Amino acid sequence: MNFKKSFRKALLLVAVLTLTASMTACGTKSSTGGGEGANTPAPSNAANNKENTTAVQDGELVPEEGAELLVWESREEVPFTEEIARQFEEKYGVKVKIEEVATTDQVGKLTTDGPSGLGADVIIIPHDHLGNAAASGLILANDVFAEDTKKNNTEASIIGATFEETLYGYPRAAETTALFYNKSLVPEAPESFEDLIEFGKTFTDKSKKKYALMWEAGNMYFNYPFIASGGGYLYGDNGTNKDDIGLAHEGVAESMKVYQSLAEILPIKSGDINPDIKRGLFGAGDVAMDINGPWEVAGYKEALGDNLAIAPVPTVNGKPAITFSGIKIYTVSSFAKYPNAAKLYAQFATTKEAQLLLNEKIGSVPTNLEALETDQIKNDPIVSGFAEQAKNSEPMPSIPEMANVWAPVNAAMADIWDNKTDPKAAMEKAITQIKDLNNGLAAE
């Protein structure tokens, strides 16, 4: 199967579906990319629950007697989880405890906390971390609800929730990045980064902490357009060949020069930009534009109201900006004490109603096919803005070696931005480090 083409096709289908109906579909370390998933060995006792005998009554899975669950959730999405956990407790009588853990940290934390009984029963995984988690034996297959999950969700989300032909995940949202802009400061979004820089020369004033554009300049997740739009890629053969790393092509170097030139209108070290700082400045009207994901929609809407708008990321050297696309999925821990209850929770928290609640709370893009057809989603200009960008997005690789890419490339981005290092040289260094990590060697 041509994974990349199938995945892209499915994403396009979602976008077309929603746009034709006049609507939609559709890191930071805080939410999606940029994390450093653990490339871990298989825990010796992780398979215990795989022999669990499910309890079914009248054709339905029932929770174990006295079951209690621990779920991890990122800070931004806790309001959704508090509400869905309340509803779950009310229906099944199973208590749910919530702990804040950044999405990109959850696989790594389960590696250490799972064997000692301290890990969550249900975790959230960005799909690029799925291969690592599954290969390490950290998670259980989605077996009981597999057919319903496949029937009710987009093809793209099912591909993202599957590793080596086994469905592990329960999809809950689709994601890509786009350009947020404040219409009171920028009536129309710039079509190219060249246009954006011209605006920035009239708006950016470091002494007043005002910037035309602020985004996480040191995080590969948000900077993938400067790699992919120049013909680059992370792993070849549709993200499956760990020995073919496409970060140092000539086109990438040219695109990275556009990235480097943006420092003129954002004269700040990459390490000094974090989600909290950016969030505060954008909400206060001191930043005009931000490249970000749907997890920020609710907060930005509250801050800017009708002045908030979404547009595709500007073109890079005249080429469409290609962003990462990802699927956020629930998975059940192999160490779960009450796996039946955990599977029930993962299913309950990803139904049509649950995904619409998640959209209402934080502005996420559903994967549930029926949810995508509701007026709530179709008539939302914000979600449709993400759908437009989704047409030029591609999925992150999900092979375990994806975990070895983040640190070297993030370091290269920082070097190019902060020290004006030659992009090609910085990327070649990153490739060497990634190959060393892939081969089990210590990176320099």
Protein backbone atom coordinates (compact mmCIF):
# COMPACT_ATOMS: atom_id res chain seq x y z
CA MET A 1 0.00 0.00 0.00
CA ASN A 2 1.26 3.48 -0.81
CA PHE A 3 0.94 4.82 2.69
CA LYS A 4 1.72 8.44 1.99
CA LYS A 5 -0.55 8.71 -1.01
CA SER A 6 -3.37 6.96 0.77
CA PHE A 7 -3.03 9.13 3.80
CA ARG A 8 -2.88 12.32 1.75
CA LYS A 9 -5.77 11.22 -0.35
CA ALA A 10 -7.81 10.63 2.77
CA LEU A 11 -6.89 14.00 4.17
CA LEU A 12 -7.87 15.63 0.92
CA LEU A 13 -11.12 13.77 1.00
CA VAL A 14 -11.84 15.15 4.44
CA ALA A 15 -11.06 18.65 3.27
CA VAL A 16 -13.10 18.35 0.10
CA LEU A 17 -15.94 16.79 2.03
CA THR A 18 -16.08 19.64 4.40
CA LEU A 19 -15.40 22.39 1.92
CA THR A 20 -17.98 21.18 -0.57
CA ALA A 21 -20.47 21.13 2.15
CA SER A 22 -19.13 24.51 2.89
CA MET A 23 -17.29 23.35 5.82
CA THR A 24 -14.53 21.45 7.22
CA ALA A 25 -12.38 18.98 8.56
CA CYS A 26 -9.71 19.20 9.12
CA GLY A 27 2.93 19.63 19.25
CA THR A 28 5.03 22.80 20.68
CA LYS A 29 5.88 20.53 23.03
CA SER A 30 2.68 21.48 24.73
CA SER A 31 0.43 19.83 22.26
CA THR A 32 1.77 17.98 19.37
CA GLY A 33 5.01 17.83 17.50
CA GLY A 34 8.36 18.64 18.90
CA GLY A 35 8.22 15.99 21.53
CA GLU A 36 10.89 13.42 22.10
CA GLY A 37 9.07 10.14 22.24
CA ALA A 38 10.99 7.42 23.96
CA ASN A 39 12.63 4.89 21.70
CA THR A 40 12.30 2.20 24.28
CA PRO A 41 12.86 -1.51 24.60
CA ALA A 42 9.84 -3.70 25.23
CA PRO A 43 8.97 -3.81 28.95
CA SER A 44 9.25 -7.34 30.24
CA ASN A 45 5.84 -7.41 31.87
CA ALA A 46 3.89 -5.28 29.41
CA ALA A 47 2.19 -8.24 27.79
CA ASN A 48 0.35 -9.40 30.88
CA ASN A 49 -2.87 -7.66 29.92
CA LYS A 50 -2.81 -9.02 26.40
CA GLU A 51 -4.23 -12.24 27.82
CA ASN A 52 -7.01 -10.39 29.53
CA THR A 53 -10.41 -11.95 29.07
CA THR A 54 -12.94 -9.32 28.20
CA ALA A 55 -16.19 -9.31 30.13
CA VAL A 56 -19.18 -9.04 27.81
CA GLN A 57 -22.81 -8.97 28.87
CA ASP A 58 -25.67 -8.77 26.37
CA GLY A 59 -23.15 -8.16 23.63
CA GLU A 60 -21.55 -5.19 25.37
CA LEU A 61 -18.23 -4.83 27.14
CA VAL A 62 -18.62 -4.15 30.86
CA PRO A 63 -16.06 -2.64 33.23
CA GLU A 64 -14.39 -4.70 35.92
CA GLU A 65 -15.97 -4.51 39.37
CA GLY A 66 -14.48 -1.70 41.42
CA ALA A 67 -12.64 -0.30 38.41
CA GLU A 68 -10.97 3.12 38.62
CA LEU A 69 -9.04 4.84 35.85
CA LEU A 70 -6.20 7.30 35.54
CA VAL A 71 -6.03 9.30 32.30
CA TRP A 72 -3.37 11.76 31.19
CA GLU A 73 -4.35 14.93 29.38
CA SER A 74 -2.53 18.02 28.13
CA ARG A 75 -3.26 21.23 29.98
CA GLU A 76 -5.11 22.83 27.08
CA GLU A 77 -7.57 19.96 26.81
CA VAL A 78 -8.31 19.32 30.47
CA PRO A 79 -11.68 21.17 30.31
CA PHE A 80 -12.89 18.60 27.76
CA THR A 81 -11.61 15.65 29.76
CA GLU A 82 -13.19 16.86 32.98
CA GLU A 83 -16.58 16.94 31.26
CA ILE A 84 -16.25 13.64 29.39
CA ALA A 85 -14.93 11.90 32.52
CA ARG A 86 -17.95 13.17 34.45
CA GLN A 87 -20.27 11.75 31.82
CA PHE A 88 -18.37 8.44 31.80
CA GLU A 89 -18.56 8.10 35.56
CA GLU A 90 -22.28 8.82 35.43
CA LYS A 91 -22.91 6.13 32.80
CA TYR A 92 -20.58 3.36 33.97
CA GLY A 93 -19.95 4.11 37.65
CA VAL A 94 -16.18 4.09 37.05
CA LYS A 95 -14.17 6.83 38.75
CA VAL A 96 -11.74 8.70 36.50
CA LYS A 97 -8.74 10.63 37.81
CA ILE A 98 -7.07 13.17 35.49
CA GLU A 99 -3.41 14.15 35.53
CA GLU A 100 -1.86 16.86 33.34
CA VAL A 101 0.87 15.46 31.10
CA ALA A 102 1.87 17.03 27.78
CA THR A 103 0.75 14.84 24.92
CA THR A 104 4.24 14.41 23.52
CA ASP A 105 5.55 13.27 26.92
CA GLN A 106 3.01 10.54 27.52
CA VAL A 107 4.68 7.62 25.73
CA GLY A 108 7.99 8.31 27.46
CA LYS A 109 6.30 8.67 30.85
CA LEU A 110 4.40 5.42 30.39
CA THR A 111 7.72 3.67 29.77
CA THR A 112 8.91 4.54 33.27
CA ASP A 113 5.63 4.74 35.19
CA GLY A 114 3.79 1.82 33.59
CA PRO A 115 5.85 -1.06 35.04
CA SER A 116 5.68 0.45 38.54
CA GLY A 117 1.90 0.78 38.40
CA LEU A 118 1.95 4.58 38.30
CA GLY A 119 1.13 5.03 34.63
CA ALA A 120 -2.17 6.13 33.18
CA ASP A 121 -4.66 3.55 31.92
CA VAL A 122 -5.54 5.66 28.88
CA ILE A 123 -3.02 7.91 27.15
CA ILE A 124 -3.06 10.20 24.13
CA ILE A 125 -0.56 9.61 21.34
CA PRO A 126 0.20 11.84 18.35
CA HIS A 127 0.20 9.27 15.55
CA ASP A 128 3.91 9.73 14.82
CA HIS A 129 4.65 8.18 18.23
CA LEU A 130 2.40 5.18 17.68
CA GLY A 131 5.00 2.92 16.06
CA ASN A 132 7.37 3.38 18.96
CA ALA A 133 4.69 2.71 21.57
CA ALA A 134 3.33 -0.35 19.77
CA ALA A 135 6.73 -1.86 18.98
CA SER A 136 7.70 -1.38 22.63
CA GLY A 137 4.64 -3.27 23.85
CA LEU A 138 3.31 -0.31 25.81
CA ILE A 139 -0.24 -0.33 24.44
CA LEU A 140 -3.09 -2.74 23.77
CA ALA A 141 -4.77 -3.22 20.41
CA ASN A 142 -8.18 -1.69 19.84
CA ASP A 143 -9.88 -5.06 19.47
CA VAL A 144 -13.40 -4.89 20.94
CA PHE A 145 -14.31 -1.62 19.21
CA ALA A 146 -12.23 -2.06 16.06
CA GLU A 147 -15.09 -2.37 13.61
CA ASP A 148 -17.03 0.57 15.04
CA THR A 149 -13.89 2.68 15.06
CA LYS A 150 -13.13 1.94 11.41
CA LYS A 151 -16.73 2.50 10.33
CA ASN A 152 -17.18 5.81 12.15
CA ASN A 153 -13.94 7.67 11.40
CA THR A 154 -12.07 9.04 8.38
CA GLU A 155 -9.73 6.76 6.49
CA ALA A 156 -6.83 9.06 7.32
CA SER A 157 -7.45 8.74 11.04
CA ILE A 158 -7.67 4.96 10.85
CA ILE A 159 -4.34 4.82 9.00
CA GLY A 160 -2.86 7.05 11.67
CA ALA A 161 -4.21 4.79 14.42
CA THR A 162 -2.79 1.63 12.85
CA PHE A 163 0.71 0.17 13.06
CA GLU A 164 1.78 -2.87 11.08
CA GLU A 165 -1.83 -3.68 10.18
CA THR A 166 -3.07 -3.67 13.79
CA LEU A 167 -5.49 -0.99 14.94
CA TYR A 168 -4.30 0.40 18.27
CA GLY A 169 -5.89 3.79 18.50
CA TYR A 170 -9.24 5.41 19.06
CA PRO A 171 -9.03 8.59 16.89
CA ARG A 172 -10.25 11.79 18.50
CA ALA A 173 -8.96 14.73 16.38
CA ALA A 174 -7.10 15.63 13.20
CA GLU A 175 -4.47 18.33 13.25
CA THR A 176 -2.32 20.48 11.05
CA THR A 177 -0.88 23.93 11.50
CA ALA A 178 -2.11 27.11 9.80
CA LEU A 179 -1.67 30.89 10.02
CA PHE A 180 -3.65 32.56 12.80
CA TYR A 181 -4.03 36.30 12.26
CA ASN A 182 -5.59 39.24 14.01
CA LYS A 183 -7.87 40.98 11.49
CA SER A 184 -7.71 44.27 13.39
CA LEU A 185 -3.96 44.36 12.64
CA VAL A 186 -3.79 42.46 9.35
CA PRO A 187 -7.06 42.72 7.40
CA GLU A 188 -5.92 40.08 4.91
CA ALA A 189 -3.43 37.30 5.46
CA PRO A 190 -0.22 37.55 3.37
CA GLU A 191 0.04 35.01 0.58
CA SER A 192 3.82 34.65 0.71
CA PHE A 193 6.55 34.98 3.31
CA GLU A 194 7.97 37.80 1.19
CA ASP A 195 4.69 39.72 1.66
CA LEU A 196 4.77 38.90 5.36
CA ILE A 197 8.28 40.30 5.73
CA GLU A 198 7.25 43.54 4.00
CA PHE A 199 4.41 43.93 6.49
CA GLY A 200 6.77 43.05 9.32
CA LYS A 201 9.09 45.91 8.44
CA THR A 202 6.25 48.31 9.23
CA PHE A 203 4.92 46.52 12.30
CA THR A 204 7.71 44.84 14.25
CA ASP A 205 9.14 47.01 17.05
CA LYS A 206 11.28 45.00 19.45
CA SER A 207 11.51 47.91 21.93
CA LYS A 208 7.71 47.73 22.33
CA LYS A 209 7.60 43.92 22.13
CA LYS A 210 5.49 44.07 18.99
CA TYR A 211 6.06 41.50 16.29
CA ALA A 212 4.44 40.85 12.91
CA LEU A 213 4.88 37.09 13.30
CA MET A 214 5.84 34.88 16.19
CA TRP A 215 6.01 31.10 16.10
CA GLU A 216 8.21 28.44 17.63
CA ALA A 217 11.23 29.02 15.44
CA GLY A 218 13.26 26.27 17.13
CA ASN A 219 10.67 23.50 16.81
CA MET A 220 10.74 21.33 13.69
CA TYR A 221 7.01 20.65 13.89
CA PHE A 222 6.17 24.26 13.08
CA ASN A 223 9.01 24.67 10.59
CA TYR A 224 8.37 21.68 8.38
CA PRO A 225 7.18 23.94 5.49
CA PHE A 226 10.78 25.16 5.15
CA ILE A 227 11.87 21.54 4.65
CA ALA A 228 9.06 19.99 2.63
CA SER A 229 8.28 22.93 0.37
CA GLY A 230 11.85 22.73 -0.92
CA GLY A 231 11.48 19.05 -1.75
CA GLY A 232 12.84 17.74 1.54
CA TYR A 233 11.48 14.99 3.74
CA LEU A 234 12.31 13.17 6.94
CA TYR A 235 12.37 9.55 5.82
CA GLY A 236 12.12 8.24 2.27
CA ASP A 237 9.80 5.60 0.82
CA ASN A 238 6.74 7.34 2.22
CA GLY A 239 8.22 7.76 5.68
CA THR A 240 9.32 4.14 6.11
CA ASN A 241 12.99 4.12 5.08
CA LYS A 242 15.13 5.13 8.04
CA ASP A 243 18.30 5.13 5.91
CA ASP A 244 17.00 7.72 3.43
CA ILE A 245 16.92 11.09 5.18
CA GLY A 246 16.02 14.00 2.91
CA LEU A 247 17.04 17.06 4.90
CA ALA A 248 20.01 18.30 2.92
CA HIS A 249 18.67 18.67 -0.59
CA GLU A 250 19.54 21.86 -2.41
CA GLY A 251 15.89 22.91 -2.35
CA VAL A 252 15.80 22.58 1.42
CA ALA A 253 18.77 24.92 1.77
CA GLU A 254 16.98 27.51 -0.39
CA SER A 255 13.78 27.23 1.66
CA MET A 256 15.75 27.47 4.88
CA LYS A 257 17.16 30.79 3.69
CA VAL A 258 13.59 32.11 3.71
CA TYR A 259 13.28 30.82 7.26
CA GLN A 260 16.54 32.52 8.17
CA SER A 261 15.38 35.83 6.65
CA LEU A 262 12.37 35.96 8.98
CA ALA A 263 14.72 36.79 11.85
CA GLU A 264 14.66 40.36 10.49
CA ILE A 265 11.06 40.76 11.67
CA LEU A 266 11.38 38.50 14.70
CA PRO A 267 14.70 39.50 16.25
CA ILE A 268 14.56 37.05 19.17
CA LYS A 269 16.58 33.94 19.98
CA SER A 270 14.59 30.81 19.19
CA GLY A 271 14.94 29.59 22.77
CA ASP A 272 13.20 32.71 24.06
CA ILE A 273 9.98 31.86 22.24
CA ASN A 274 7.64 29.51 24.02
CA PRO A 275 3.89 28.86 23.83
CA ASP A 276 3.07 30.90 26.94
CA ILE A 277 4.94 34.01 25.77
CA LYS A 278 3.47 33.76 22.29
CA ARG A 279 -0.01 33.15 23.62
CA GLY A 280 0.14 36.24 25.82
CA LEU A 281 1.45 38.56 23.11
CA PHE A 282 -0.94 37.35 20.42
CA GLY A 283 -3.91 37.60 22.75
CA ALA A 284 -2.91 41.13 23.73
CA GLY A 285 -2.61 42.29 20.10
CA ASP A 286 1.18 42.65 20.21
CA VAL A 287 1.71 39.84 17.73
CA ALA A 288 -0.20 40.05 14.46
CA MET A 289 0.26 36.47 13.19
CA ASP A 290 1.09 33.08 14.62
CA ILE A 291 1.71 29.69 12.99
CA ASN A 292 -0.07 27.29 15.29
CA GLY A 293 -2.49 24.40 15.62
CA PRO A 294 -6.18 23.99 16.49
CA TRP A 295 -5.46 23.41 20.18
CA GLU A 296 -5.02 27.20 20.52
CA VAL A 297 -8.34 28.12 18.91
CA ALA A 298 -10.46 28.34 22.05
CA GLY A 299 -8.02 30.59 23.90
CA TYR A 300 -7.41 32.83 20.92
CA LYS A 301 -11.12 33.12 20.24
CA GLU A 302 -11.67 34.23 23.79
CA ALA A 303 -8.93 36.84 23.45
CA LEU A 304 -9.73 38.22 19.99
CA GLY A 305 -13.34 37.32 19.30
CA ASP A 306 -14.37 37.99 15.71
CA ASN A 307 -10.95 39.45 14.90
CA LEU A 308 -9.45 35.95 14.88
CA ALA A 309 -9.04 34.38 11.45
CA ILE A 310 -7.22 31.40 9.94
CA ALA A 311 -5.43 31.19 6.59
CA PRO A 312 -2.98 28.83 4.90
CA VAL A 313 0.67 29.23 5.84
CA PRO A 314 2.29 31.66 3.33
CA THR A 315 4.09 30.24 0.30
CA VAL A 316 7.82 29.50 0.46
CA ASN A 317 9.77 30.66 -2.61
CA GLY A 318 6.48 30.65 -4.51
CA LYS A 319 5.61 27.08 -3.52
CA PRO A 320 2.74 26.02 -1.25
CA ALA A 321 3.76 25.60 2.36
CA ILE A 322 3.53 21.90 3.22
CA THR A 323 2.68 21.36 6.87
CA PHE A 324 2.62 18.25 8.98
CA SER A 325 -0.68 16.54 9.47
CA GLY A 326 -1.35 14.37 12.44
CA ILE A 327 -3.98 12.38 14.19
CA LYS A 328 -4.40 12.43 17.94
CA ILE A 329 -5.52 9.09 19.26
CA TYR A 330 -6.36 7.51 22.58
CA THR A 331 -4.69 4.20 23.37
CA VAL A 332 -5.03 1.81 26.31
CA SER A 333 -1.93 1.03 28.34
CA SER A 334 -0.66 -2.55 28.45
CA PHE A 335 -0.24 -2.02 32.21
CA ALA A 336 -3.87 -0.99 32.78
CA LYS A 337 -5.27 -2.73 35.88
CA TYR A 338 -8.78 -2.46 34.45
CA PRO A 339 -8.36 -2.83 30.68
CA ASN A 340 -12.06 -3.34 29.99
CA ALA A 341 -12.95 -0.09 31.71
CA ALA A 342 -10.04 1.62 29.92
CA LYS A 343 -11.25 0.41 26.51
CA LEU A 344 -14.75 1.58 27.32
CA TYR A 345 -13.42 5.01 28.26
CA ALA A 346 -11.34 5.34 25.07
CA GLN A 347 -14.40 4.45 23.01
CA PHE A 348 -16.73 6.71 24.99
CA ALA A 349 -14.38 9.69 24.68
CA THR A 350 -14.19 9.42 20.87
CA THR A 351 -17.84 9.14 19.85
CA LYS A 352 -19.50 11.71 17.62
CA GLU A 353 -20.85 13.51 20.68
CA ALA A 354 -17.48 13.47 22.42
CA GLN A 355 -15.64 14.85 19.38
CA LEU A 356 -18.19 17.64 19.03
CA LEU A 357 -17.68 18.44 22.70
CA LEU A 358 -13.91 18.54 22.13
CA ASN A 359 -14.48 20.90 19.20
CA GLU A 360 -16.69 23.11 21.35
CA LYS A 361 -14.16 23.22 24.19
CA ILE A 362 -10.91 23.73 22.28
CA GLY A 363 -11.74 24.04 18.57
CA SER A 364 -10.39 20.66 17.47
CA VAL A 365 -11.16 19.08 14.08
CA PRO A 366 -13.16 15.83 14.37
CA THR A 367 -12.32 12.54 12.70
CA ASN A 368 -15.81 11.13 13.22
CA LEU A 369 -17.62 11.14 9.87
CA GLU A 370 -21.00 12.12 11.29
CA ALA A 371 -19.50 14.88 13.40
CA LEU A 372 -17.87 16.36 10.28
CA GLU A 373 -21.30 16.67 8.69
CA THR A 374 -22.90 18.65 11.50
CA ASP A 375 -23.63 22.37 11.23
CA GLN A 376 -21.37 22.92 14.23
CA ILE A 377 -18.40 21.90 12.11
CA LYS A 378 -19.52 22.85 8.61
CA ASN A 379 -20.34 26.44 9.49
CA ASP A 380 -17.18 27.07 11.46
CA PRO A 381 -14.82 29.41 9.49
CA ILE A 382 -11.94 28.53 11.78
CA VAL A 383 -12.17 24.80 11.17
CA SER A 384 -12.61 25.37 7.45
CA GLY A 385 -9.40 27.42 7.52
CA PHE A 386 -7.53 24.36 8.76
CA ALA A 387 -9.22 22.28 6.07
CA GLU A 388 -7.77 24.60 3.42
CA GLN A 389 -4.26 24.11 4.80
CA ALA A 390 -4.86 20.35 5.08
CA LYS A 391 -4.88 20.18 1.29
CA ASN A 392 -1.14 20.92 1.44
CA SER A 393 -0.22 18.76 4.39
CA GLU A 394 1.42 15.38 4.73
CA PRO A 395 1.51 12.90 7.61
CA MET A 396 4.44 12.55 9.93
CA PRO A 397 6.21 9.19 9.64
CA SER A 398 5.12 6.80 12.38
CA ILE A 399 8.07 4.38 12.36
CA PRO A 400 9.88 4.14 15.74
CA GLU A 401 12.90 6.02 14.30
CA MET A 402 10.74 9.15 14.07
CA ALA A 403 11.59 9.66 17.75
CA ASN A 404 15.25 10.18 16.75
CA VAL A 405 14.55 13.11 14.44
CA TRP A 406 13.28 15.77 16.80
CA ALA A 407 16.33 16.67 18.89
CA PRO A 408 18.88 16.83 16.02
CA VAL A 409 16.61 18.85 13.73
CA ASN A 410 15.42 21.16 16.50
CA ALA A 411 19.09 21.84 17.31
CA ALA A 412 19.81 22.51 13.63
CA MET A 413 16.91 24.95 13.37
CA ALA A 414 18.14 26.83 16.44
CA ASP A 415 21.65 26.96 15.00
CA ILE A 416 20.44 28.30 11.67
CA TRP A 417 18.23 30.89 13.37
CA ASP A 418 20.41 32.02 16.26
CA ASN A 419 23.91 31.68 14.81
CA LYS A 420 23.22 32.18 11.10
CA THR A 421 24.81 28.81 10.39
CA ASP A 422 24.74 27.66 6.79
CA PRO A 423 21.48 25.66 6.45
CA LYS A 424 23.01 22.86 4.41
CA ALA A 425 25.85 22.34 6.88
CA ALA A 426 23.44 22.38 9.85
CA MET A 427 21.14 19.84 8.20
CA GLU A 428 24.02 17.55 7.23
CA LYS A 429 25.09 17.53 10.88
CA ALA A 430 21.54 16.67 11.91
CA ILE A 431 21.47 13.78 9.43
CA THR A 432 24.64 12.34 10.91
CA GLN A 433 23.16 12.54 14.41
CA ILE A 434 19.88 10.92 13.32
CA LYS A 435 21.72 8.06 11.61
CA ASP A 436 23.83 7.52 14.73
CA LEU A 437 20.70 7.36 16.86
CA ASN A 438 19.00 5.03 14.41
CA ASN A 439 22.01 2.73 14.55
CA GLY A 440 22.13 2.79 18.33
CA LEU A 441 25.15 5.05 18.53
CA ALA A 442 25.54 8.12 20.69
CA ALA A 443 25.09 11.33 18.71
CA GLU A 444 27.89 13.87 18.90
